[in-house]
Structures are given as C-alpha cells and as structure tokens.
N, C-alpha and C. Protein backbone atom coordinates (compact mmCIF):
# COMPACT_ATOMS: atom_id res chain seq x y z
N MET A 1 -7.07 -17.94 -5.82
CA MET A 1 -6.74 -16.86 -5.29
C MET A 1 -6.91 -16.24 -6.34
N LYS A 2 -5.80 -16.81 -8.01
CA LYS A 2 -5.73 -15.71 -8.81
C LYS A 2 -6.99 -15.58 -9.85
N GLU A 3 -7.75 -16.77 -9.62
CA GLU A 3 -9.25 -16.32 -10.09
C GLU A 3 -10.35 -15.01 -9.12
N TRP A 4 -9.92 -14.86 -8.21
CA TRP A 4 -10.09 -13.72 -7.19
C TRP A 4 -10.09 -12.72 -8.02
N VAL A 5 -8.73 -12.67 -7.79
CA VAL A 5 -7.42 -11.26 -9.14
C VAL A 5 -8.64 -11.08 -10.31
N GLY A 6 -8.35 -12.19 -10.84
CA GLY A 6 -8.82 -11.85 -12.30
C GLY A 6 -9.74 -11.19 -12.36
N ILE A 7 -10.73 -11.62 -11.64
CA ILE A 7 -11.92 -10.91 -11.57
C ILE A 7 -12.27 -9.88 -10.96
N TYR A 8 -11.71 -9.13 -10.03
CA TYR A 8 -12.11 -8.22 -9.07
C TYR A 8 -10.67 -7.21 -9.30
N GLY A 9 -9.49 -7.67 -10.09
CA GLY A 9 -8.27 -6.82 -10.01
C GLY A 9 -7.27 -6.57 -9.15
N ASP A 10 -6.26 -6.61 -9.53
CA ASP A 10 -4.76 -6.67 -8.79
C ASP A 10 -4.66 -5.41 -7.62
N PRO A 11 -5.07 -5.72 -6.48
CA PRO A 11 -4.94 -4.71 -5.37
C PRO A 11 -3.23 -3.64 -5.92
N ARG A 12 -2.06 -3.60 -6.71
CA ARG A 12 -1.22 -3.52 -6.92
C ARG A 12 -1.69 -2.83 -8.12
N ASP A 13 -2.31 -3.11 -8.50
CA ASP A 13 -2.39 -2.05 -9.83
C ASP A 13 -3.33 -0.18 -9.80
N PRO A 14 -2.44 0.47 -10.77
CA PRO A 14 -2.78 1.35 -10.39
C PRO A 14 -4.52 1.65 -10.13
N ASP A 15 -4.44 1.41 -11.46
CA ASP A 15 -6.23 1.68 -11.30
C ASP A 15 -7.06 1.33 -10.38
N VAL A 16 -6.65 0.17 -9.21
CA VAL A 16 -7.44 -0.75 -8.90
C VAL A 16 -8.00 0.23 -7.23
N ASP A 17 -8.75 0.12 -7.36
CA ASP A 17 -9.43 1.53 -5.71
C ASP A 17 -8.32 0.25 -4.29
N PRO A 18 -7.73 0.48 -3.74
CA PRO A 18 -7.38 -1.42 -2.40
C PRO A 18 -8.51 -0.55 -1.39
N VAL A 19 -9.33 0.02 -1.37
CA VAL A 19 -11.09 0.24 0.03
C VAL A 19 -11.44 -0.96 -0.90
N ASP A 20 -11.89 -0.39 -2.31
CA ASP A 20 -13.00 -1.67 -3.08
C ASP A 20 -12.44 -2.64 -2.79
N TRP A 21 -11.15 -2.95 -3.72
CA TRP A 21 -10.21 -4.45 -3.30
C TRP A 21 -10.68 -5.19 -2.13
N ILE A 22 -10.60 -4.02 -1.15
CA ILE A 22 -10.48 -4.78 0.25
C ILE A 22 -11.96 -5.38 0.68
N GLU A 23 -13.17 -4.78 0.48
CA GLU A 23 -14.60 -4.51 0.76
C GLU A 23 -15.01 -5.77 -0.65
N ARG A 24 -14.32 -6.41 -1.30
CA ARG A 24 -15.22 -7.54 -2.77
C ARG A 24 -13.96 -8.94 -2.01
N ILE A 25 -13.37 -8.02 -0.99
CA ILE A 25 -13.13 -10.12 0.12
C ILE A 25 -14.04 -10.74 -0.31
N PRO A 26 -14.38 -12.42 -0.62
CA PRO A 26 -15.72 -12.44 -0.57
C PRO A 26 -15.83 -13.31 0.43
N PHE A 27 -14.70 -13.37 1.60
CA PHE A 27 -14.60 -14.49 2.60
C PHE A 27 -15.12 -13.50 3.88
N THR A 28 -15.76 -12.86 4.63
CA THR A 28 -16.29 -12.47 6.05
C THR A 28 -14.60 -11.86 6.54
N GLU A 29 -13.96 -13.24 6.92
CA GLU A 29 -13.09 -13.31 7.88
C GLU A 29 -11.86 -12.42 7.82
N THR A 30 -11.91 -13.33 6.46
CA THR A 30 -10.76 -12.16 5.82
C THR A 30 -10.49 -10.41 5.96
N ARG A 31 -12.43 -10.70 4.77
CA ARG A 31 -11.66 -9.36 4.73
C ARG A 31 -11.97 -8.20 6.20
N ARG A 32 -12.76 -8.41 7.37
CA ARG A 32 -12.55 -8.20 9.09
C ARG A 32 -11.08 -7.89 8.97
N TYR A 33 -10.17 -9.35 8.68
CA TYR A 33 -8.72 -9.69 9.41
C TYR A 33 -8.09 -8.40 8.58
N VAL A 34 -7.78 -8.48 7.58
CA VAL A 34 -7.15 -7.01 6.36
C VAL A 34 -8.07 -5.87 7.12
N ILE A 35 -9.26 -5.52 7.24
CA ILE A 35 -9.27 -4.72 7.54
C ILE A 35 -9.23 -3.89 9.23
N LYS A 36 -8.94 -4.61 9.85
CA LYS A 36 -8.59 -5.19 11.49
C LYS A 36 -6.84 -4.79 11.40
N ILE A 37 -6.35 -5.27 10.59
CA ILE A 37 -4.92 -5.00 10.48
C ILE A 37 -4.11 -3.58 9.75
N MET A 38 -5.72 -2.99 9.09
CA MET A 38 -4.99 -1.73 8.76
C MET A 38 -5.39 -0.55 9.90
N GLU A 39 -6.81 -1.23 10.63
CA GLU A 39 -6.96 -0.20 11.92
C GLU A 39 -4.98 -0.29 12.46
N THR A 40 -5.00 -0.90 12.89
CA THR A 40 -4.21 -1.36 14.19
C THR A 40 -2.78 -1.12 13.59
N LEU A 41 -2.68 -1.00 12.64
CA LEU A 41 -1.24 -0.47 11.63
C LEU A 41 -1.15 1.14 12.42
N GLN A 42 -1.95 2.38 12.53
CA GLN A 42 -2.20 2.94 12.26
C GLN A 42 -2.09 3.37 14.10
N LEU A 43 -2.50 2.83 14.98
CA LEU A 43 -2.44 2.71 16.21
C LEU A 43 -1.07 2.53 16.53
N TYR A 44 -1.31 1.52 16.11
CA TYR A 44 1.37 0.78 16.97
C TYR A 44 2.20 2.37 16.03
N ARG A 45 2.02 2.29 14.95
CA ARG A 45 2.86 3.13 14.43
C ARG A 45 2.39 4.77 15.48
N SER A 46 1.52 5.50 15.60
CA SER A 46 1.15 6.69 16.38
C SER A 46 1.88 5.79 18.13
N ARG A 47 1.93 5.01 18.66
CA ARG A 47 2.73 4.50 19.87
C ARG A 47 3.69 4.79 19.46
N LEU A 48 4.52 3.96 18.31
CA LEU A 48 5.60 3.44 18.62
C LEU A 48 6.46 4.61 17.72
N ALA A 49 6.21 5.83 16.78
CA ALA A 49 6.70 6.47 16.25
C ALA A 49 5.77 8.01 16.54
N GLY A 50 5.35 8.54 17.70
CA GLY A 50 4.48 9.48 17.76
C GLY A 50 3.23 9.36 16.97
N PRO A 51 2.76 10.56 17.51
CA PRO A 51 1.19 10.93 16.90
C PRO A 51 1.75 11.87 15.54
N GLU A 52 2.73 12.65 15.62
CA GLU A 52 2.40 13.02 13.60
C GLU A 52 3.13 12.31 12.88
N ASN A 53 2.97 11.00 13.03
CA ASN A 53 2.98 10.00 12.07
C ASN A 53 2.08 9.05 12.14
N ALA A 54 1.46 9.48 12.82
CA ALA A 54 -0.10 7.95 12.96
C ALA A 54 -0.54 7.56 12.04
N LEU A 55 -1.43 8.97 10.91
CA LEU A 55 -2.22 8.72 10.08
C LEU A 55 -1.63 8.62 8.45
N HIS A 56 -1.73 7.43 8.15
CA HIS A 56 -0.44 7.16 7.20
C HIS A 56 -1.62 6.16 6.43
N LEU A 57 -2.97 6.04 6.74
CA LEU A 57 -3.33 5.20 5.52
C LEU A 57 -3.52 4.91 4.56
N VAL A 58 -3.95 6.33 3.99
CA VAL A 58 -3.97 6.26 2.28
C VAL A 58 -2.53 5.65 1.64
N GLN A 59 -1.01 5.99 2.32
CA GLN A 59 0.53 5.55 2.36
C GLN A 59 0.29 4.18 2.46
N ASP A 60 -0.35 3.55 3.71
CA ASP A 60 -0.41 2.04 4.01
C ASP A 60 -1.03 1.33 2.65
N LEU A 61 -2.51 1.79 2.33
CA LEU A 61 -2.91 1.35 1.35
C LEU A 61 -2.99 0.78 -0.07
N ASN A 62 -1.68 2.37 -0.33
CA ASN A 62 -0.47 2.55 -1.53
C ASN A 62 0.05 1.95 -1.95
N ARG A 63 0.78 1.34 -0.78
CA ARG A 63 1.96 0.62 -0.39
C ARG A 63 1.75 -0.68 -1.27
N GLY A 64 3.01 -1.16 -1.43
CA GLY A 64 3.29 -1.58 -3.32
C GLY A 64 2.55 -2.22 -4.40
N ARG A 65 2.07 -0.70 -4.51
CA ARG A 65 1.62 -0.63 -6.52
C ARG A 65 2.73 -0.34 -6.93
N ARG A 66 2.47 -0.84 -8.33
CA ARG A 66 3.16 -0.79 -8.88
C ARG A 66 3.45 0.55 -9.66
N VAL A 67 4.79 1.19 -9.82
CA VAL A 67 4.44 2.59 -10.34
C VAL A 67 4.90 2.54 -12.13
N PRO A 68 3.78 2.85 -12.26
CA PRO A 68 3.39 3.29 -14.25
C PRO A 68 5.35 3.71 -14.71
N PRO A 69 5.94 3.19 -15.90
CA PRO A 69 6.81 3.13 -16.34
C PRO A 69 7.16 4.68 -16.74
N SER A 70 6.05 5.68 -16.60
CA SER A 70 6.48 6.83 -17.50
C SER A 70 7.11 7.78 -15.80
N GLU A 71 6.37 6.85 -14.79
CA GLU A 71 7.24 7.71 -13.26
C GLU A 71 8.27 7.64 -13.42
N THR A 72 8.77 6.62 -13.31
CA THR A 72 9.93 5.72 -12.93
C THR A 72 10.97 6.11 -14.08
N ALA A 73 10.91 6.09 -15.43
CA ALA A 73 11.53 7.46 -16.19
C ALA A 73 12.26 8.87 -16.04
N SER A 74 11.55 8.96 -15.36
CA SER A 74 12.24 11.00 -14.69
C SER A 74 12.58 10.80 -13.15
N VAL A 75 12.43 9.20 -13.10
CA VAL A 75 13.58 9.51 -11.27
C VAL A 75 15.01 8.60 -11.86
N GLN A 76 15.81 9.66 -11.09
CA GLN A 76 16.98 9.33 -11.53
C GLN A 76 17.94 8.68 -9.90
N PRO A 77 18.69 7.54 -10.60
CA PRO A 77 19.30 7.18 -9.73
C PRO A 77 20.65 8.05 -8.84
N VAL A 78 20.64 7.70 -7.16
CA VAL A 78 21.41 8.21 -6.74
C VAL A 78 22.32 7.62 -6.61
N SER A 79 23.74 8.10 -6.76
CA SER A 79 24.80 6.93 -6.36
C SER A 79 25.14 7.20 -4.73
N THR A 80 25.69 6.49 -4.12
CA THR A 80 25.87 6.99 -2.29
C THR A 80 27.13 6.09 -2.69
N THR A 81 27.96 6.14 -4.25
CA THR A 81 29.52 6.54 -3.72
C THR A 81 30.29 7.46 -4.85
N ALA A 82 29.76 8.32 -4.88
CA ALA A 82 29.77 10.24 -5.40
C ALA A 82 30.38 10.48 -4.26
N LYS A 83 31.36 11.17 -4.44
CA LYS A 83 32.50 11.92 -3.58
C LYS A 83 32.20 13.81 -3.61
N THR A 84 31.93 14.39 -2.36
CA THR A 84 31.68 15.64 -3.40
C THR A 84 33.24 16.05 -2.91
N PRO A 85 33.04 17.19 -3.47
CA PRO A 85 34.37 18.15 -3.23
C PRO A 85 34.66 18.54 -2.08
C-alpha cells in the first residue's frame, strides 16, 4: 500500500483527485468494491435521512482530506463553556 500511495499519491492530499485515485486502484475487485461502496452510501443516506440529503458524493469523496494550514489558521475555536449574558 505504501508503495502504491507513493506512486499514485495519497487520497487525503488536496492535490490528488479522489476519482482518479480510485480509478488507479490496480486490483479490479478492490476498485469495484470502493466504487460500489460510494454508490450505495448515497442510496442509504437517501433512505435514512431523506432525499434532500441523498447526493453528497463530492463531499464524501473529499472526506478525510488534509486541510491546508492556511485554511486552519483562519478558523477560530468555539468555546462550549462560554456563558452568554
């Protein structure tokens, strides 16, 4: 796996296209399995959360990606213990 990720890139890297990464999986059965999981995830979400939440394929493909440091620097932490007057 490390060798393959070294050749084709890490899918968590923002510069690596997740669709291309999946299509480059060298094992047919594994590649088909990953594609099938992504397809059925959309169907199950639709059935469980309603049709308005059905198609989030792009978000699912990008889930788990590393956030560039420039984006994390602008995010302010939210305090869950702060009291409002």
